């Protein structure tokens, strides 16, 4: 049973990592892409105006 306890943490981390990657891939693009792009553009515009002042 020592091999089970030795393999459990890497397997759990691998499953978690795959889940995170799937969420990232699924949230790319889609209906929210334009809204997210607009939010980033607005934030960049704010930082540009602060830097110019």
Protein backbone atom coordinates (compact mmCIF):
# COMPACT_ATOMS: atom_id res chain seq x y z
CA UNK A 1 0.00 0.00 0.00
CA UNK A 2 3.01 2.32 0.16
CA UNK A 3 2.91 2.78 -3.60
CA UNK A 4 -0.68 4.09 -3.37
CA UNK A 5 0.28 6.76 -0.84
CA UNK A 6 3.34 7.62 -2.95
CA UNK A 7 1.33 8.01 -6.18
CA UNK A 8 -1.72 9.78 -4.74
CA UNK A 9 -0.31 13.35 -4.50
CA UNK A 10 1.01 13.45 -8.10
CA UNK A 11 -2.25 11.99 -9.43
CA UNK A 12 -4.31 14.54 -7.51
CA UNK A 13 -2.11 17.38 -8.78
CA UNK A 14 -2.36 16.08 -12.35
CA UNK A 15 -6.16 15.93 -12.18
CA UNK A 16 -6.30 19.44 -10.70
CA UNK A 17 -3.91 20.77 -13.38
CA UNK A 18 -5.96 19.21 -16.19
CA UNK A 19 -9.10 20.76 -14.70
CA UNK A 20 -7.50 24.21 -14.57
CA UNK A 21 -6.32 23.93 -18.18
CA UNK A 22 -9.81 22.85 -19.31
CA UNK A 23 -11.40 25.85 -17.56
CA UNK A 24 -8.88 28.21 -19.15
CA UNK A 25 -9.48 26.77 -22.62
CA UNK A 26 -13.27 26.84 -22.25
CA UNK A 27 -13.32 30.47 -21.12
CA UNK A 28 -11.24 31.69 -24.07
CA UNK A 29 -13.32 33.42 -26.70
CA UNK A 30 -17.06 32.97 -26.75
CA UNK A 31 -19.71 35.48 -25.79
CA UNK A 32 -17.65 37.13 -23.07
CA UNK A 33 -14.60 37.79 -25.24
CA UNK A 34 -15.79 41.21 -26.44
CA UNK A 35 -16.73 42.28 -22.92
CA UNK A 36 -13.38 41.13 -21.53
CA UNK A 37 -11.49 42.85 -24.34
CA UNK A 38 -13.40 46.07 -23.69
CA UNK A 39 -12.57 45.89 -19.97
CA UNK A 40 -8.88 45.39 -20.72
CA UNK A 41 -8.88 48.24 -23.23
CA UNK A 42 -10.56 50.54 -20.68
CA UNK A 43 -8.01 49.62 -18.00
CA UNK A 44 -5.14 50.23 -20.41
CA UNK A 45 -6.63 53.57 -21.42
CA UNK A 46 -6.87 54.60 -17.74
CA UNK A 47 -3.23 53.70 -17.11
CA UNK A 48 -2.16 55.54 -20.27
CA UNK A 49 -3.96 58.73 -19.22
CA UNK A 50 -2.47 58.54 -15.71
CA UNK A 51 1.00 58.09 -17.18
CA UNK A 52 0.54 61.09 -19.46
CA UNK A 53 -0.63 63.39 -16.66
